[in-house]
């Protein structure tokens, strides 16, 4: 299985599994306001990889900077 995520700053995130888009969301913001994390659009941050239901091994993880390329819209 090949899983991919295309992220365009705080604008849009698209998830693909084996080349087929399975999820999309936009206008990324934090859900609540905290002194250390105001509710503002997110344009940078961290990448986290996790498994929810059972132990999972990831064979290869690659991060590719696409610059300003369009992510399949």
PDB file of N, CA and C in Angstrom:
ATOM      1  N   UNK A   1       0.842  -1.167   0.000  1.00  0.00           N
ATOM      2  CA  UNK A   1       0.000   0.000   0.000  1.00  0.00           C
ATOM      3  C   UNK A   1       0.894   1.238   0.000  1.00  0.00           C
ATOM      4  N   UNK A   2       0.536   2.216  -0.798  1.00  0.00           N
ATOM      5  CA  UNK A   2       1.242   3.488  -0.863  1.00  0.00           C
ATOM      6  C   UNK A   2       0.301   4.567  -0.342  1.00  0.00           C
ATOM      7  N   UNK A   3       0.689   5.241   0.728  1.00  0.00           N
ATOM      8  CA  UNK A   3      -0.093   6.335   1.297  1.00  0.00           C
ATOM      9  C   UNK A   3       0.678   7.628   1.092  1.00  0.00           C
ATOM     10  N   UNK A   4      -0.021   8.664   0.610  1.00  0.00           N
ATOM     11  CA  UNK A   4       0.603   9.956   0.356  1.00  0.00           C
ATOM     12  C   UNK A   4      -0.258  11.064   0.945  1.00  0.00           C
ATOM     13  N   UNK A   5       0.385  12.139   1.366  1.00  0.00           N
ATOM     14  CA  UNK A   5      -0.317  13.337   1.821  1.00  0.00           C
ATOM     15  C   UNK A   5       0.276  14.521   1.085  1.00  0.00           C
ATOM     16  N   UNK A   6      -0.576  15.298   0.465  1.00  0.00           N
ATOM     17  CA  UNK A   6      -0.145  16.522  -0.202  1.00  0.00           C
ATOM     18  C   UNK A   6      -0.611  17.704   0.627  1.00  0.00           C
ATOM     19  N   UNK A   7       0.319  18.551   1.054  1.00  0.00           N
ATOM     20  CA  UNK A   7      -0.003  19.676   1.930  1.00  0.00           C
ATOM     21  C   UNK A   7       0.424  20.970   1.263  1.00  0.00           C
ATOM     22  N   UNK A   8      -0.510  21.908   1.147  1.00  0.00           N
ATOM     23  CA  UNK A   8      -0.196  23.226   0.606  1.00  0.00           C
ATOM     24  C   UNK A   8      -0.357  24.244   1.729  1.00  0.00           C
ATOM     25  N   UNK A   9       0.718  24.404   2.515  1.00  0.00           N
ATOM     26  CA  UNK A   9       0.699  25.355   3.625  1.00  0.00           C
ATOM     27  C   UNK A   9      -0.525  25.170   4.503  1.00  0.00           C
ATOM     28  N   UNK A  10      -1.208  26.262   4.849  1.00  0.00           N
ATOM     29  CA  UNK A  10      -2.426  26.200   5.641  1.00  0.00           C
ATOM     30  C   UNK A  10      -3.671  26.184   4.791  1.00  0.00           C
ATOM     31  N   UNK A  11      -3.513  25.968   3.475  1.00  0.00           N
ATOM     32  CA  UNK A  11      -4.648  26.044   2.560  1.00  0.00           C
ATOM     33  C   UNK A  11      -5.402  24.726   2.417  1.00  0.00           C
ATOM     34  N   UNK A  12      -4.700  23.666   2.027  1.00  0.00           N
ATOM     35  CA  UNK A  12      -5.383  22.407   1.740  1.00  0.00           C
ATOM     36  C   UNK A  12      -4.459  21.221   2.019  1.00  0.00           C
ATOM     37  N   UNK A  13      -5.064  20.124   2.481  1.00  0.00           N
ATOM     38  CA  UNK A  13      -4.360  18.855   2.681  1.00  0.00           C
ATOM     39  C   UNK A  13      -5.159  17.789   1.948  1.00  0.00           C
ATOM     40  N   UNK A  14      -4.477  16.984   1.146  1.00  0.00           N
ATOM     41  CA  UNK A  14      -5.124  15.886   0.418  1.00  0.00           C
ATOM     42  C   UNK A  14      -4.396  14.590   0.724  1.00  0.00           C
ATOM     43  N   UNK A  15      -5.162  13.541   1.032  1.00  0.00           N
ATOM     44  CA  UNK A  15      -4.598  12.219   1.309  1.00  0.00           C
ATOM     45  C   UNK A  15      -4.929  11.282   0.160  1.00  0.00           C
ATOM     46  N   UNK A  16      -3.941  10.477  -0.220  1.00  0.00           N
ATOM     47  CA  UNK A  16      -4.095   9.521  -1.310  1.00  0.00           C
ATOM     48  C   UNK A  16      -3.665   8.144  -0.818  1.00  0.00           C
ATOM     49  N   UNK A  17      -4.385   7.108  -1.231  1.00  0.00           N
ATOM     50  CA  UNK A  17      -3.997   5.722  -0.970  1.00  0.00           C
ATOM     51  C   UNK A  17      -3.941   5.028  -2.320  1.00  0.00           C
ATOM     52  N   UNK A  18      -2.766   4.498  -2.650  1.00  0.00           N
ATOM     53  CA  UNK A  18      -2.535   3.859  -3.956  1.00  0.00           C
ATOM     54  C   UNK A  18      -2.969   4.752  -5.104  1.00  0.00           C
ATOM     55  N   UNK A  19      -2.667   6.054  -4.991  1.00  0.00           N
ATOM     56  CA  UNK A  19      -2.946   6.999  -6.069  1.00  0.00           C
ATOM     57  C   UNK A  19      -4.357   7.547  -6.107  1.00  0.00           C
ATOM     58  N   UNK A  20      -5.247   7.065  -5.254  1.00  0.00           N
ATOM     59  CA  UNK A  20      -6.645   7.506  -5.245  1.00  0.00           C
ATOM     60  C   UNK A  20      -6.874   8.439  -4.051  1.00  0.00           C
ATOM     61  N   UNK A  21      -7.446   9.635  -4.320  1.00  0.00           N
ATOM     62  CA  UNK A  21      -7.697  10.579  -3.236  1.00  0.00           C
ATOM     63  C   UNK A  21      -8.790  10.039  -2.331  1.00  0.00           C
ATOM     64  N   UNK A  22      -8.510  10.011  -1.022  1.00  0.00           N
ATOM     65  CA  UNK A  22      -9.475   9.461  -0.069  1.00  0.00           C
ATOM     66  C   UNK A  22      -9.970  10.504   0.935  1.00  0.00           C
ATOM     67  N   UNK A  23      -9.293  11.645   1.048  1.00  0.00           N
ATOM     68  CA  UNK A  23      -9.716  12.672   1.994  1.00  0.00           C
ATOM     69  C   UNK A  23      -9.107  14.008   1.604  1.00  0.00           C
ATOM     70  N   UNK A  24      -9.843  15.074   1.906  1.00  0.00           N
ATOM     71  CA  UNK A  24      -9.341  16.424   1.667  1.00  0.00           C
ATOM     72  C   UNK A  24      -9.939  17.359   2.711  1.00  0.00           C
ATOM     73  N   UNK A  25      -9.130  18.287   3.219  1.00  0.00           N
ATOM     74  CA  UNK A  25      -9.661  19.341   4.069  1.00  0.00           C
ATOM     75  C   UNK A  25      -8.854  20.609   3.837  1.00  0.00           C
ATOM     76  N   UNK A  26      -9.462  21.744   4.216  1.00  0.00           N
ATOM     77  CA  UNK A  26      -8.832  23.024   3.923  1.00  0.00           C
ATOM     78  C   UNK A  26      -8.992  23.991   5.090  1.00  0.00           C
ATOM     79  N   UNK A  27      -8.395  25.181   4.931  1.00  0.00           N
ATOM     80  CA  UNK A  27      -8.439  26.233   5.944  1.00  0.00           C
ATOM     81  C   UNK A  27      -7.987  25.716   7.307  1.00  0.00           C
ATOM     82  N   UNK A  28      -6.772  25.201   7.384  1.00  0.00           N
ATOM     83  CA  UNK A  28      -6.247  24.601   8.607  1.00  0.00           C
ATOM     84  C   UNK A  28      -6.089  25.649   9.704  1.00  0.00           C
ATOM     85  N   UNK A  29      -6.722  25.388  10.843  1.00  0.00           N
ATOM     86  CA  UNK A  29      -6.621  26.255  12.008  1.00  0.00           C
ATOM     87  C   UNK A  29      -6.636  25.391  13.259  1.00  0.00           C
ATOM     88  N   UNK A  30      -6.091  25.930  14.329  1.00  0.00           N
ATOM     89  CA  UNK A  30      -6.200  25.248  15.608  1.00  0.00           C
ATOM     90  C   UNK A  30      -7.630  25.401  16.106  1.00  0.00           C
ATOM     91  N   UNK A  31      -8.132  24.394  16.803  1.00  0.00           N
ATOM     92  CA  UNK A  31      -9.527  24.375  17.219  1.00  0.00           C
ATOM     93  C   UNK A  31      -9.831  25.338  18.364  1.00  0.00           C
ATOM     94  N   UNK A  32      -8.878  25.611  19.225  1.00  0.00           N
ATOM     95  CA  UNK A  32      -9.160  26.479  20.362  1.00  0.00           C
ATOM     96  C   UNK A  32      -8.004  27.456  20.575  1.00  0.00           C
ATOM     97  N   UNK A  33      -8.330  28.524  21.209  1.00  0.00           N
ATOM     98  CA  UNK A  33      -7.321  29.547  21.459  1.00  0.00           C
ATOM     99  C   UNK A  33      -6.615  29.281  22.785  1.00  0.00           C
ATOM    100  N   UNK A  34      -5.302  29.249  22.757  1.00  0.00           N
ATOM    101  CA  UNK A  34      -4.452  29.088  23.940  1.00  0.00           C
ATOM    102  C   UNK A  34      -3.367  30.154  23.844  1.00  0.00           C
ATOM    103  N   UNK A  35      -2.800  30.560  24.976  1.00  0.00           N
ATOM    104  CA  UNK A  35      -1.723  31.558  24.909  1.00  0.00           C
ATOM    105  C   UNK A  35      -0.577  31.130  23.998  1.00  0.00           C
ATOM    106  N   UNK A  36      -0.283  29.844  23.955  1.00  0.00           N
ATOM    107  CA  UNK A  36       0.826  29.346  23.143  1.00  0.00           C
ATOM    108  C   UNK A  36       0.394  28.933  21.744  1.00  0.00           C
ATOM    109  N   UNK A  37      -0.908  28.925  21.474  1.00  0.00           N
ATOM    110  CA  UNK A  37      -1.374  28.494  20.148  1.00  0.00           C
ATOM    111  C   UNK A  37      -2.658  29.222  19.770  1.00  0.00           C
ATOM    112  N   UNK A  38      -2.559  30.462  19.336  1.00  0.00           N
ATOM    113  CA  UNK A  38      -3.772  31.197  18.972  1.00  0.00           C
ATOM    114  C   UNK A  38      -4.473  30.577  17.774  1.00  0.00           C
ATOM    115  N   UNK A  39      -5.779  30.797  17.700  1.00  0.00           N
ATOM    116  CA  UNK A  39      -6.563  30.262  16.588  1.00  0.00           C
ATOM    117  C   UNK A  39      -6.283  31.095  15.344  1.00  0.00           C
ATOM    118  N   UNK A  40      -5.287  30.661  14.609  1.00  0.00           N
ATOM    119  CA  UNK A  40      -4.905  31.326  13.371  1.00  0.00           C
ATOM    120  C   UNK A  40      -4.607  30.254  12.343  1.00  0.00           C
ATOM    121  N   UNK A  41      -4.583  30.652  11.104  1.00  0.00           N
ATOM    122  CA  UNK A  41      -4.267  29.699  10.036  1.00  0.00           C
ATOM    123  C   UNK A  41      -2.866  29.144  10.233  1.00  0.00           C
ATOM    124  N   UNK A  42      -2.696  27.870   9.970  1.00  0.00           N
ATOM    125  CA  UNK A  42      -1.396  27.213  10.091  1.00  0.00           C
ATOM    126  C   UNK A  42      -0.707  27.212   8.736  1.00  0.00           C
ATOM    127  N   UNK A  43       0.515  27.691   8.684  1.00  0.00           N
ATOM    128  CA  UNK A  43       1.276  27.689   7.437  1.00  0.00           C
ATOM    129  C   UNK A  43       2.559  26.875   7.540  1.00  0.00           C
ATOM    130  N   UNK A  44       2.894  26.407   8.746  1.00  0.00           N
ATOM    131  CA  UNK A  44       4.062  25.560   8.935  1.00  0.00           C
ATOM    132  C   UNK A  44       3.868  24.755  10.222  1.00  0.00           C
ATOM    133  N   UNK A  45       4.660  23.724  10.386  1.00  0.00           N
ATOM    134  CA  UNK A  45       4.525  22.921  11.593  1.00  0.00           C
ATOM    135  C   UNK A  45       5.308  21.627  11.494  1.00  0.00           C
ATOM    136  N   UNK A  46       4.785  20.586  12.105  1.00  0.00           N
ATOM    137  CA  UNK A  46       5.454  19.305  12.196  1.00  0.00           C
ATOM    138  C   UNK A  46       4.672  18.223  11.464  1.00  0.00           C
ATOM    139  N   UNK A  47       5.356  17.142  11.124  1.00  0.00           N
ATOM    140  CA  UNK A  47       4.729  15.973  10.518  1.00  0.00           C
ATOM    141  C   UNK A  47       4.792  14.848  11.538  1.00  0.00           C
ATOM    142  N   UNK A  48       3.660  14.199  11.779  1.00  0.00           N
ATOM    143  CA  UNK A  48       3.613  13.062  12.701  1.00  0.00           C
ATOM    144  C   UNK A  48       3.038  11.857  11.970  1.00  0.00           C
ATOM    145  N   UNK A  49       3.631  10.704  12.205  1.00  0.00           N
ATOM    146  CA  UNK A  49       3.144   9.459  11.605  1.00  0.00           C
ATOM    147  C   UNK A  49       2.784   8.533  12.756  1.00  0.00           C
ATOM    148  N   UNK A  50       1.552   8.019  12.740  1.00  0.00           N
ATOM    149  CA  UNK A  50       1.127   7.145  13.824  1.00  0.00           C
ATOM    150  C   UNK A  50       0.140   6.116  13.317  1.00  0.00           C
ATOM    151  N   UNK A  51      -0.021   5.057  14.077  1.00  0.00           N
ATOM    152  CA  UNK A  51      -1.016   4.026  13.802  1.00  0.00           C
ATOM    153  C   UNK A  51      -2.014   4.044  14.950  1.00  0.00           C
ATOM    154  N   UNK A  52      -3.278   3.899  14.648  1.00  0.00           N
ATOM    155  CA  UNK A  52      -4.321   4.012  15.664  1.00  0.00           C
ATOM    156  C   UNK A  52      -4.712   2.687  16.308  1.00  0.00           C
ATOM    157  N   UNK A  53      -4.749   1.600  15.545  1.00  0.00           N
ATOM    158  CA  UNK A  53      -5.393   0.388  16.054  1.00  0.00           C
ATOM    159  C   UNK A  53      -4.438  -0.710  16.538  1.00  0.00           C
ATOM    160  N   UNK A  54      -3.243  -0.786  15.983  1.00  0.00           N
ATOM    161  CA  UNK A  54      -2.317  -1.842  16.368  1.00  0.00           C
ATOM    162  C   UNK A  54      -0.905  -1.464  15.945  1.00  0.00           C
ATOM    163  N   UNK A  55       0.109  -2.164  16.425  1.00  0.00           N
ATOM    164  CA  UNK A  55       1.488  -1.842  16.028  1.00  0.00           C
ATOM    165  C   UNK A  55       1.646  -1.874  14.502  1.00  0.00           C
ATOM    166  N   UNK A  56       2.334  -0.889  13.990  1.00  0.00           N
ATOM    167  CA  UNK A  56       2.521  -0.757  12.550  1.00  0.00           C
ATOM    168  C   UNK A  56       3.978  -0.444  12.263  1.00  0.00           C
ATOM    169  N   UNK A  57       4.504  -1.032  11.213  1.00  0.00           N
ATOM    170  CA  UNK A  57       5.858  -0.734  10.775  1.00  0.00           C
ATOM    171  C   UNK A  57       5.788   0.056   9.478  1.00  0.00           C
ATOM    172  N   UNK A  58       6.579   1.096   9.385  1.00  0.00           N
ATOM    173  CA  UNK A  58       6.654   1.898   8.178  1.00  0.00           C
ATOM    174  C   UNK A  58       7.967   1.575   7.505  1.00  0.00           C
ATOM    175  N   UNK A  59       7.892   1.148   6.255  1.00  0.00           N
ATOM    176  CA  UNK A  59       9.097   0.722   5.544  1.00  0.00           C
ATOM    177  C   UNK A  59       9.933   1.893   5.066  1.00  0.00           C
ATOM    178  N   UNK A  60       9.279   2.884   4.477  1.00  0.00           N
ATOM    179  CA  UNK A  60      10.031   4.014   3.936  1.00  0.00           C
ATOM    180  C   UNK A  60       9.166   5.275   4.021  1.00  0.00           C
ATOM    181  N   UNK A  61       9.700   6.319   4.588  1.00  0.00           N
ATOM    182  CA  UNK A  61       9.011   7.595   4.673  1.00  0.00           C
ATOM    183  C   UNK A  61       9.872   8.626   3.965  1.00  0.00           C
ATOM    184  N   UNK A  62       9.276   9.337   3.011  1.00  0.00           N
ATOM    185  CA  UNK A  62       9.991  10.367   2.259  1.00  0.00           C
ATOM    186  C   UNK A  62       9.237  11.680   2.381  1.00  0.00           C
ATOM    187  N   UNK A  63       9.962  12.785   2.467  1.00  0.00           N
ATOM    188  CA  UNK A  63       9.369  14.115   2.468  1.00  0.00           C
ATOM    189  C   UNK A  63       9.931  14.841   1.258  1.00  0.00           C
ATOM    190  N   UNK A  64       9.042  15.325   0.408  1.00  0.00           N
ATOM    191  CA  UNK A  64       9.431  15.992  -0.825  1.00  0.00           C
ATOM    192  C   UNK A  64       8.829  17.383  -0.847  1.00  0.00           C
ATOM    193  N   UNK A  65       9.655  18.409  -0.970  1.00  0.00           N
ATOM    194  CA  UNK A  65       9.182  19.783  -1.071  1.00  0.00           C
ATOM    195  C   UNK A  65       8.749  20.024  -2.507  1.00  0.00           C
ATOM    196  N   UNK A  66       7.455  20.236  -2.695  1.00  0.00           N
ATOM    197  CA  UNK A  66       6.911  20.452  -4.034  1.00  0.00           C
ATOM    198  C   UNK A  66       6.885  21.922  -4.421  1.00  0.00           C
ATOM    199  N   UNK A  67       7.373  22.781  -3.540  1.00  0.00           N
ATOM    200  CA  UNK A  67       7.352  24.213  -3.838  1.00  0.00           C
ATOM    201  C   UNK A  67       5.931  24.700  -3.966  1.00  0.00           C
ATOM    202  N   UNK A  68       5.625  25.368  -5.056  1.00  0.00           N
ATOM    203  CA  UNK A  68       4.278  25.903  -5.258  1.00  0.00           C
ATOM    204  C   UNK A  68       3.474  25.055  -6.234  1.00  0.00           C
ATOM    205  N   UNK A  69       3.889  23.813  -6.482  1.00  0.00           N
ATOM    206  CA  UNK A  69       3.159  22.956  -7.410  1.00  0.00           C
ATOM    207  C   UNK A  69       1.760  22.665  -6.908  1.00  0.00           C
ATOM    208  N   UNK A  70       0.818  22.490  -7.822  1.00  0.00           N
ATOM    209  CA  UNK A  70      -0.559  22.142  -7.486  1.00  0.00           C
ATOM    210  C   UNK A  70      -0.606  20.667  -7.086  1.00  0.00           C
ATOM    211  N   UNK A  71      -1.416  20.331  -6.083  1.00  0.00           N
ATOM    212  CA  UNK A  71      -1.486  18.965  -5.573  1.00  0.00           C
ATOM    213  C   UNK A  71      -2.743  18.245  -6.046  1.00  0.00           C
ATOM    214  N   UNK A  72      -2.968  18.196  -7.326  1.00  0.00           N
ATOM    215  CA  UNK A  72      -4.048  17.378  -7.870  1.00  0.00           C
ATOM    216  C   UNK A  72      -5.423  17.984  -7.814  1.00  0.00           C
ATOM    217  N   UNK A  73      -5.546  19.288  -7.789  1.00  0.00           N
ATOM    218  CA  UNK A  73      -6.895  19.875  -7.758  1.00  0.00           C
ATOM    219  C   UNK A  73      -7.472  19.943  -9.156  1.00  0.00           C
TER     220      UNK A  73
END
